[in-house]
Amino acid sequence: MLAGRAGNLDLHTCTSVVGYCMLPVVIYSAMSLFLPQGGIVAIVVASVFVLWATRASTGLIVLLADGGDEHRGLIAYACFLIYTLFSLLVVF
């Protein structure tokens, strides 16, 4: 559905963007070594980094996909779930 009629958004491009935009979550995992485990501070910091990664990946995918602006919320939701999953692995 996101590829559109032109089909310019393939699986390789999509996974590359999602992987590239995972850098904030990697930075958070490095920072979590110095934060208290399981505290409210760790959850707030994780939320900030997840939102940062979601915003970056959504912007890039919308830029690459034809008509992606119409589905910005759907793209952001999927990216948010992916980055939340990886950050929960770090938090707990």
PDB file of N, CA and C in Angstrom:
ATOM      1  N   MET A   1       0.828  -1.187   0.000  1.00  0.00           N
ATOM      2  CA  MET A   1       0.000   0.000   0.000  1.00  0.00           C
ATOM      3  C   MET A   1       0.874   1.255   0.000  1.00  0.00           C
ATOM      4  N   LEU A   2       1.989   1.215   0.721  1.00  0.00           N
ATOM      5  CA  LEU A   2       2.862   2.383   0.778  1.00  0.00           C
ATOM      6  C   LEU A   2       3.688   2.552  -0.489  1.00  0.00           C
ATOM      7  N   ALA A   3       3.944   1.455  -1.185  1.00  0.00           N
ATOM      8  CA  ALA A   3       4.760   1.547  -2.391  1.00  0.00           C
ATOM      9  C   ALA A   3       4.051   2.334  -3.481  1.00  0.00           C
ATOM     10  N   GLY A   4       2.736   2.332  -3.483  1.00  0.00           N
ATOM     11  CA  GLY A   4       1.986   3.076  -4.491  1.00  0.00           C
ATOM     12  C   GLY A   4       2.019   2.379  -5.836  1.00  0.00           C
ATOM     13  N   ARG A   5       1.515   3.055  -6.813  1.00  0.00           N
ATOM     14  CA  ARG A   5       1.470   2.463  -8.153  1.00  0.00           C
ATOM     15  C   ARG A   5       2.846   2.413  -8.797  1.00  0.00           C
ATOM     16  N   ALA A   6       3.707   3.353  -8.448  1.00  0.00           N
ATOM     17  CA  ALA A   6       5.049   3.375  -9.030  1.00  0.00           C
ATOM     18  C   ALA A   6       5.934   2.290  -8.413  1.00  0.00           C
ATOM     19  N   GLY A   7       5.629   1.895  -7.189  1.00  0.00           N
ATOM     20  CA  GLY A   7       6.393   0.836  -6.530  1.00  0.00           C
ATOM     21  C   GLY A   7       7.812   1.228  -6.181  1.00  0.00           C
ATOM     22  N   ASN A   8       7.997   2.468  -5.733  1.00  0.00           N
ATOM     23  CA  ASN A   8       9.359   2.942  -5.467  1.00  0.00           C
ATOM     24  C   ASN A   8       9.842   2.661  -4.046  1.00  0.00           C
ATOM     25  N   LEU A   9       9.017   2.071  -3.206  1.00  0.00           N
ATOM     26  CA  LEU A   9       9.424   1.759  -1.835  1.00  0.00           C
ATOM     27  C   LEU A   9       9.463   0.239  -1.689  1.00  0.00           C
ATOM     28  N   ASP A  10      10.644  -0.327  -1.783  1.00  0.00           N
ATOM     29  CA  ASP A  10      10.765  -1.780  -1.679  1.00  0.00           C
ATOM     30  C   ASP A  10      11.185  -2.174  -0.267  1.00  0.00           C
ATOM     31  N   LEU A  11      11.264  -3.472  -0.032  1.00  0.00           N
ATOM     32  CA  LEU A  11      11.572  -3.989   1.298  1.00  0.00           C
ATOM     33  C   LEU A  11      12.968  -3.568   1.762  1.00  0.00           C
ATOM     34  N   HIS A  12      13.919  -3.591   0.870  1.00  0.00           N
ATOM     35  CA  HIS A  12      15.288  -3.224   1.230  1.00  0.00           C
ATOM     36  C   HIS A  12      15.366  -1.775   1.699  1.00  0.00           C
ATOM     37  N   THR A  13      14.713  -0.887   0.994  1.00  0.00           N
ATOM     38  CA  THR A  13      14.718   0.531   1.369  1.00  0.00           C
ATOM     39  C   THR A  13      14.042   0.741   2.718  1.00  0.00           C
ATOM     40  N   CYS A  14      12.920   0.081   2.911  1.00  0.00           N
ATOM     41  CA  CYS A  14      12.169   0.248   4.156  1.00  0.00           C
ATOM     42  C   CYS A  14      12.965  -0.272   5.357  1.00  0.00           C
ATOM     43  N   THR A  15      13.562  -1.448   5.235  1.00  0.00           N
ATOM     44  CA  THR A  15      14.345  -1.982   6.351  1.00  0.00           C
ATOM     45  C   THR A  15      15.623  -1.184   6.592  1.00  0.00           C
ATOM     46  N   SER A  16      16.183  -0.625   5.536  1.00  0.00           N
ATOM     47  CA  SER A  16      17.374   0.215   5.701  1.00  0.00           C
ATOM     48  C   SER A  16      17.042   1.479   6.483  1.00  0.00           C
ATOM     49  N   VAL A  17      15.907   2.088   6.182  1.00  0.00           N
ATOM     50  CA  VAL A  17      15.499   3.301   6.890  1.00  0.00           C
ATOM     51  C   VAL A  17      15.199   2.987   8.348  1.00  0.00           C
ATOM     52  N   VAL A  18      14.488   1.904   8.599  1.00  0.00           N
ATOM     53  CA  VAL A  18      14.156   1.534   9.979  1.00  0.00           C
ATOM     54  C   VAL A  18      15.429   1.203  10.764  1.00  0.00           C
ATOM     55  N   GLY A  19      16.357   0.513  10.140  1.00  0.00           N
ATOM     56  CA  GLY A  19      17.617   0.194  10.811  1.00  0.00           C
ATOM     57  C   GLY A  19      18.488   1.412  11.043  1.00  0.00           C
ATOM     58  N   TYR A  20      18.539   2.301  10.072  1.00  0.00           N
ATOM     59  CA  TYR A  20      19.343   3.522  10.208  1.00  0.00           C
ATOM     60  C   TYR A  20      18.787   4.411  11.313  1.00  0.00           C
ATOM     61  N   CYS A  21      17.478   4.504  11.377  1.00  0.00           N
ATOM     62  CA  CYS A  21      16.855   5.375  12.377  1.00  0.00           C
ATOM     63  C   CYS A  21      16.813   4.739  13.763  1.00  0.00           C
ATOM     64  N   MET A  22      17.365   3.533  13.916  1.00  0.00           N
ATOM     65  CA  MET A  22      17.451   2.914  15.223  1.00  0.00           C
ATOM     66  C   MET A  22      18.638   3.459  16.028  1.00  0.00           C
ATOM     67  N   LEU A  23      19.410   4.340  15.441  1.00  0.00           N
ATOM     68  CA  LEU A  23      20.570   4.917  16.117  1.00  0.00           C
ATOM     69  C   LEU A  23      20.217   5.579  17.449  1.00  0.00           C
ATOM     70  N   PRO A  24      19.116   6.348  17.576  1.00  0.00           N
ATOM     71  CA  PRO A  24      18.783   6.890  18.900  1.00  0.00           C
ATOM     72  C   PRO A  24      18.545   5.808  19.954  1.00  0.00           C
ATOM     73  N   VAL A  25      17.972   4.679  19.562  1.00  0.00           N
ATOM     74  CA  VAL A  25      17.754   3.597  20.512  1.00  0.00           C
ATOM     75  C   VAL A  25      19.089   2.974  20.923  1.00  0.00           C
ATOM     76  N   VAL A  26      20.035   2.922  20.011  1.00  0.00           N
ATOM     77  CA  VAL A  26      21.374   2.421  20.333  1.00  0.00           C
ATOM     78  C   VAL A  26      22.079   3.386  21.286  1.00  0.00           C
ATOM     79  N   ILE A  27      21.925   4.669  21.044  1.00  0.00           N
ATOM     80  CA  ILE A  27      22.492   5.669  21.960  1.00  0.00           C
ATOM     81  C   ILE A  27      21.868   5.529  23.345  1.00  0.00           C
ATOM     82  N   TYR A  28      20.554   5.312  23.376  1.00  0.00           N
ATOM     83  CA  TYR A  28      19.887   5.116  24.670  1.00  0.00           C
ATOM     84  C   TYR A  28      20.415   3.868  25.384  1.00  0.00           C
ATOM     85  N   SER A  29      20.649   2.799  24.637  1.00  0.00           N
ATOM     86  CA  SER A  29      21.146   1.584  25.289  1.00  0.00           C
ATOM     87  C   SER A  29      22.541   1.801  25.878  1.00  0.00           C
ATOM     88  N   ALA A  30      23.347   2.629  25.229  1.00  0.00           N
ATOM     89  CA  ALA A  30      24.658   2.961  25.794  1.00  0.00           C
ATOM     90  C   ALA A  30      24.511   3.843  27.032  1.00  0.00           C
ATOM     91  N   MET A  31      23.574   4.779  26.987  1.00  0.00           N
ATOM     92  CA  MET A  31      23.351   5.658  28.139  1.00  0.00           C
ATOM     93  C   MET A  31      22.740   4.916  29.315  1.00  0.00           C
ATOM     94  N   SER A  32      21.995   3.848  29.041  1.00  0.00           N
ATOM     95  CA  SER A  32      21.310   3.138  30.120  1.00  0.00           C
ATOM     96  C   SER A  32      22.280   2.449  31.069  1.00  0.00           C
ATOM     97  N   LEU A  33      23.517   2.293  30.639  1.00  0.00           N
ATOM     98  CA  LEU A  33      24.514   1.720  31.541  1.00  0.00           C
ATOM     99  C   LEU A  33      24.782   2.627  32.734  1.00  0.00           C
ATOM    100  N   PHE A  34      24.527   3.930  32.559  1.00  0.00           N
ATOM    101  CA  PHE A  34      24.811   4.901  33.605  1.00  0.00           C
ATOM    102  C   PHE A  34      23.558   5.402  34.307  1.00  0.00           C
ATOM    103  N   LEU A  35      22.374   4.926  33.881  1.00  0.00           N
ATOM    104  CA  LEU A  35      21.113   5.319  34.512  1.00  0.00           C
ATOM    105  C   LEU A  35      20.672   4.222  35.476  1.00  0.00           C
ATOM    106  N   PRO A  36      19.892   4.613  36.495  1.00  0.00           N
ATOM    107  CA  PRO A  36      19.361   3.577  37.394  1.00  0.00           C
ATOM    108  C   PRO A  36      18.398   2.666  36.630  1.00  0.00           C
ATOM    109  N   GLN A  37      18.502   1.362  36.876  1.00  0.00           N
ATOM    110  CA  GLN A  37      17.692   0.394  36.147  1.00  0.00           C
ATOM    111  C   GLN A  37      16.245   0.415  36.637  1.00  0.00           C
ATOM    112  N   GLY A  38      15.296   0.444  35.706  1.00  0.00           N
ATOM    113  CA  GLY A  38      13.888   0.313  36.033  1.00  0.00           C
ATOM    114  C   GLY A  38      13.251   1.518  36.693  1.00  0.00           C
ATOM    115  N   GLY A  39      13.960   2.611  36.834  1.00  0.00           N
ATOM    116  CA  GLY A  39      13.393   3.788  37.470  1.00  0.00           C
ATOM    117  C   GLY A  39      12.585   4.625  36.499  1.00  0.00           C
ATOM    118  N   ILE A  40      11.937   5.620  37.010  1.00  0.00           N
ATOM    119  CA  ILE A  40      11.116   6.506  36.181  1.00  0.00           C
ATOM    120  C   ILE A  40      11.994   7.321  35.239  1.00  0.00           C
ATOM    121  N   VAL A  41      13.208   7.600  35.644  1.00  0.00           N
ATOM    122  CA  VAL A  41      14.137   8.355  34.798  1.00  0.00           C
ATOM    123  C   VAL A  41      14.467   7.559  33.541  1.00  0.00           C
ATOM    124  N   ALA A  42      14.683   6.271  33.698  1.00  0.00           N
ATOM    125  CA  ALA A  42      15.006   5.423  32.548  1.00  0.00           C
ATOM    126  C   ALA A  42      13.839   5.343  31.581  1.00  0.00           C
ATOM    127  N   ILE A  43      12.627   5.298  32.096  1.00  0.00           N
ATOM    128  CA  ILE A  43      11.445   5.215  31.234  1.00  0.00           C
ATOM    129  C   ILE A  43      11.223   6.518  30.489  1.00  0.00           C
ATOM    130  N   VAL A  44      11.431   7.644  31.162  1.00  0.00           N
ATOM    131  CA  VAL A  44      11.259   8.949  30.503  1.00  0.00           C
ATOM    132  C   VAL A  44      12.313   9.140  29.415  1.00  0.00           C
ATOM    133  N   VAL A  45      13.544   8.792  29.717  1.00  0.00           N
ATOM    134  CA  VAL A  45      14.622   8.918  28.726  1.00  0.00           C
ATOM    135  C   VAL A  45      14.361   7.979  27.551  1.00  0.00           C
ATOM    136  N   ALA A  46      13.886   6.771  27.827  1.00  0.00           N
ATOM    137  CA  ALA A  46      13.556   5.829  26.758  1.00  0.00           C
ATOM    138  C   ALA A  46      12.444   6.384  25.877  1.00  0.00           C
ATOM    139  N   SER A  47      11.453   7.027  26.470  1.00  0.00           N
ATOM    140  CA  SER A  47      10.352   7.609  25.701  1.00  0.00           C
ATOM    141  C   SER A  47      10.844   8.699  24.759  1.00  0.00           C
ATOM    142  N   VAL A  48      11.753   9.522  25.246  1.00  0.00           N
ATOM    143  CA  VAL A  48      12.297  10.589  24.406  1.00  0.00           C
ATOM    144  C   VAL A  48      13.051  10.010  23.212  1.00  0.00           C
ATOM    145  N   PHE A  49      13.861   8.999  23.453  1.00  0.00           N
ATOM    146  CA  PHE A  49      14.636   8.414  22.364  1.00  0.00           C
ATOM    147  C   PHE A  49      13.757   7.629  21.392  1.00  0.00           C
ATOM    148  N   VAL A  50      12.701   6.989  21.885  1.00  0.00           N
ATOM    149  CA  VAL A  50      11.769   6.290  20.994  1.00  0.00           C
ATOM    150  C   VAL A  50      11.034   7.290  20.115  1.00  0.00           C
ATOM    151  N   LEU A  51      10.595   8.396  20.676  1.00  0.00           N
ATOM    152  CA  LEU A  51       9.918   9.415  19.873  1.00  0.00           C
ATOM    153  C   LEU A  51      10.862  10.032  18.846  1.00  0.00           C
ATOM    154  N   TRP A  52      12.106  10.211  19.211  1.00  0.00           N
ATOM    155  CA  TRP A  52      13.100  10.740  18.276  1.00  0.00           C
ATOM    156  C   TRP A  52      13.293   9.778  17.092  1.00  0.00           C
ATOM    157  N   ALA A  53      13.453   8.503  17.387  1.00  0.00           N
ATOM    158  CA  ALA A  53      13.639   7.511  16.327  1.00  0.00           C
ATOM    159  C   ALA A  53      12.391   7.388  15.461  1.00  0.00           C
ATOM    160  N   THR A  54      11.216   7.438  16.079  1.00  0.00           N
ATOM    161  CA  THR A  54       9.965   7.342  15.329  1.00  0.00           C
ATOM    162  C   THR A  54       9.799   8.528  14.392  1.00  0.00           C
ATOM    163  N   ARG A  55      10.089   9.708  14.878  1.00  0.00           N
ATOM    164  CA  ARG A  55       9.952  10.908  14.045  1.00  0.00           C
ATOM    165  C   ARG A  55      10.923  10.872  12.864  1.00  0.00           C
ATOM    166  N   ALA A  56      12.142  10.436  13.110  1.00  0.00           N
ATOM    167  CA  ALA A  56      13.137  10.389  12.031  1.00  0.00           C
ATOM    168  C   ALA A  56      12.754   9.359  10.970  1.00  0.00           C
ATOM    169  N   SER A  57      12.369   8.171  11.396  1.00  0.00           N
ATOM    170  CA  SER A  57      12.038   7.130  10.417  1.00  0.00           C
ATOM    171  C   SER A  57      10.755   7.442   9.671  1.00  0.00           C
ATOM    172  N   THR A  58       9.778   8.013  10.351  1.00  0.00           N
ATOM    173  CA  THR A  58       8.534   8.384   9.679  1.00  0.00           C
ATOM    174  C   THR A  58       8.786   9.439   8.625  1.00  0.00           C
ATOM    175  N   GLY A  59       9.590  10.424   8.946  1.00  0.00           N
ATOM    176  CA  GLY A  59       9.903  11.472   7.973  1.00  0.00           C
ATOM    177  C   GLY A  59      10.609  10.939   6.742  1.00  0.00           C
ATOM    178  N   LEU A  60      11.551  10.018   6.940  1.00  0.00           N
ATOM    179  CA  LEU A  60      12.276   9.458   5.800  1.00  0.00           C
ATOM    180  C   LEU A  60      11.394   8.558   4.942  1.00  0.00           C
ATOM    181  N   ILE A  61      10.555   7.739   5.572  1.00  0.00           N
ATOM    182  CA  ILE A  61       9.686   6.856   4.789  1.00  0.00           C
ATOM    183  C   ILE A  61       8.642   7.656   4.040  1.00  0.00           C
ATOM    184  N   VAL A  62       8.088   8.690   4.655  1.00  0.00           N
ATOM    185  CA  VAL A  62       7.120   9.545   3.964  1.00  0.00           C
ATOM    186  C   VAL A  62       7.776  10.246   2.789  1.00  0.00           C
ATOM    187  N   LEU A  63       9.022  10.634   2.960  1.00  0.00           N
ATOM    188  CA  LEU A  63       9.751  11.283   1.875  1.00  0.00           C
ATOM    189  C   LEU A  63       9.991  10.328   0.706  1.00  0.00           C
ATOM    190  N   LEU A  64      10.246   9.066   1.008  1.00  0.00           N
ATOM    191  CA  LEU A  64      10.556   8.093  -0.034  1.00  0.00           C
ATOM    192  C   LEU A  64       9.327   7.509  -0.720  1.00  0.00           C
ATOM    193  N   ALA A  65       8.210   7.416  -0.014  1.00  0.00           N
ATOM    194  CA  ALA A  65       7.011   6.759  -0.554  1.00  0.00           C
ATOM    195  C   ALA A  65       6.135   7.767  -1.291  1.00  0.00           C
ATOM    196  N   ASP A  66       5.586   7.334  -2.415  1.00  0.00           N
ATOM    197  CA  ASP A  66       4.598   8.153  -3.114  1.00  0.00           C
ATOM    198  C   ASP A  66       3.294   8.126  -2.325  1.00  0.00           C
ATOM    199  N   GLY A  67       2.777   9.281  -2.001  1.00  0.00           N
ATOM    200  CA  GLY A  67       1.544   9.350  -1.233  1.00  0.00           C
ATOM    201  C   GLY A  67       1.728   8.945   0.215  1.00  0.00           C
ATOM    202  N   GLY A  68       2.933   8.980   0.700  1.00  0.00           N
ATOM    203  CA  GLY A  68       3.198   8.583   2.077  1.00  0.00           C
ATOM    204  C   GLY A  68       2.669   9.564   3.097  1.00  0.00           C
ATOM    205  N   ASP A  69       2.462  10.798   2.675  1.00  0.00           N
ATOM    206  CA  ASP A  69       1.960  11.805   3.604  1.00  0.00           C
ATOM    207  C   ASP A  69       0.545  11.479   4.068  1.00  0.00           C
ATOM    208  N   GLU A  70      -0.221  10.808   3.212  1.00  0.00           N
ATOM    209  CA  GLU A  70      -1.575  10.410   3.587  1.00  0.00           C
ATOM    210  C   GLU A  70      -1.560   9.358   4.693  1.00  0.00           C
ATOM    211  N   HIS A  71      -0.505   8.554   4.744  1.00  0.00           N
ATOM    212  CA  HIS A  71      -0.417   7.451   5.693  1.00  0.00           C
ATOM    213  C   HIS A  71       0.613   7.718   6.781  1.00  0.00           C
ATOM    214  N   ARG A  72       0.883   8.967   7.074  1.00  0.00           N
ATOM    215  CA  ARG A  72       1.909   9.314   8.063  1.00  0.00           C
ATOM    216  C   ARG A  72       1.617   8.696   9.428  1.00  0.00           C
ATOM    217  N   GLY A  73       0.385   8.727   9.859  1.00  0.00           N
ATOM    218  CA  GLY A  73       0.026   8.157  11.157  1.00  0.00           C
ATOM    219  C   GLY A  73       0.225   6.652  11.213  1.00  0.00           C
ATOM    220  N   LEU A  74      -0.125   5.966  10.129  1.00  0.00           N
ATOM    221  CA  LEU A  74       0.052   4.524  10.060  1.00  0.00           C
ATOM    222  C   LEU A  74       1.532   4.144  10.087  1.00  0.00           C
ATOM    223  N   ILE A  75       2.343   4.893   9.370  1.00  0.00           N
ATOM    224  CA  ILE A  75       3.786   4.650   9.355  1.00  0.00           C
ATOM    225  C   ILE A  75       4.374   4.925  10.736  1.00  0.00           C
ATOM    226  N   ALA A  76       3.956   6.029  11.339  1.00  0.00           N
ATOM    227  CA  ALA A  76       4.487   6.387  12.656  1.00  0.00           C
ATOM    228  C   ALA A  76       4.109   5.348  13.706  1.00  0.00           C
ATOM    229  N   TYR A  77       2.906   4.818  13.617  1.00  0.00           N
ATOM    230  CA  TYR A  77       2.467   3.814  14.589  1.00  0.00           C
ATOM    231  C   TYR A  77       3.319   2.550  14.488  1.00  0.00           C
ATOM    232  N   ALA A  78       3.554   2.077  13.281  1.00  0.00           N
ATOM    233  CA  ALA A  78       4.363   0.870  13.097  1.00  0.00           C
ATOM    234  C   ALA A  78       5.798   1.090  13.576  1.00  0.00           C
ATOM    235  N   CYS A  79       6.376   2.231  13.228  1.00  0.00           N
ATOM    236  CA  CYS A  79       7.743   2.534  13.670  1.00  0.00           C
ATOM    237  C   CYS A  79       7.810   2.682  15.184  1.00  0.00           C
ATOM    238  N   PHE A  80       6.804   3.309  15.766  1.00  0.00           N
ATOM    239  CA  PHE A  80       6.751   3.473  17.219  1.00  0.00           C
ATOM    240  C   PHE A  80       6.749   2.120  17.922  1.00  0.00           C
ATOM    241  N   LEU A  81       5.988   1.163  17.398  1.00  0.00           N
ATOM    242  CA  LEU A  81       5.944  -0.162  18.012  1.00  0.00           C
ATOM    243  C   LEU A  81       7.289  -0.877  17.916  1.00  0.00           C
ATOM    244  N   ILE A  82       7.955  -0.738  16.786  1.00  0.00           N
ATOM    245  CA  ILE A  82       9.261  -1.388  16.605  1.00  0.00           C
ATOM    246  C   ILE A  82      10.281  -0.828  17.590  1.00  0.00           C
ATOM    247  N   TYR A  83      10.366   0.503  17.662  1.00  0.00           N
ATOM    248  CA  TYR A  83      11.363   1.118  18.535  1.00  0.00           C
ATOM    249  C   TYR A  83      11.012   0.951  20.011  1.00  0.00           C
ATOM    250  N   THR A  84       9.723   0.888  20.333  1.00  0.00           N
ATOM    251  CA  THR A  84       9.320   0.636  21.720  1.00  0.00           C
ATOM    252  C   THR A  84       9.733  -0.762  22.149  1.00  0.00           C
ATOM    253  N   LEU A  85       9.572  -1.718  21.256  1.00  0.00           N
ATOM    254  CA  LEU A  85       9.982  -3.090  21.575  1.00  0.00           C
ATOM    255  C   LEU A  85      11.454  -3.157  21.907  1.00  0.00           C
ATOM    256  N   PHE A  86      12.298  -2.543  21.088  1.00  0.00           N
ATOM    257  CA  PHE A  86      13.733  -2.589  21.348  1.00  0.00           C
ATOM    258  C   PHE A  86      14.120  -1.805  22.602  1.00  0.00           C
ATOM    259  N   SER A  87      13.439  -0.710  22.873  1.00  0.00           N
ATOM    260  CA  SER A  87      13.776   0.036  24.095  1.00  0.00           C
ATOM    261  C   SER A  87      13.312  -0.694  25.345  1.00  0.00           C
ATOM    262  N   LEU A  88      12.229  -1.462  25.245  1.00  0.00           N
ATOM    263  CA  LEU A  88      11.792  -2.241  26.404  1.00  0.00           C
ATOM    264  C   LEU A  88      12.788  -3.349  26.739  1.00  0.00           C
ATOM    265  N   LEU A  89      13.466  -3.846  25.733  1.00  0.00           N
ATOM    266  CA  LEU A  89      14.533  -4.822  25.991  1.00  0.00           C
ATOM    267  C   LEU A  89      15.651  -4.209  26.807  1.00  0.00           C
ATOM    268  N   VAL A  90      15.888  -2.926  26.620  1.00  0.00           N
ATOM    269  CA  VAL A  90      16.941  -2.243  27.378  1.00  0.00           C
ATOM    270  C   VAL A  90      16.458  -1.883  28.780  1.00  0.00           C
ATOM    271  N   VAL A  91      15.220  -1.418  28.884  1.00  0.00           N
ATOM    272  CA  VAL A  91      14.698  -0.957  30.181  1.00  0.00           C
ATOM    273  C   VAL A  91      14.583  -2.115  31.166  1.00  0.00           C
ATOM    274  N   PHE A  92      14.077  -3.239  30.683  1.00  0.00           N
ATOM    275  CA  PHE A  92      13.853  -4.378  31.596  1.00  0.00           C
ATOM    276  C   PHE A  92      14.890  -5.415  31.344  1.00  0.00           C
TER     277      PHE A  92
END
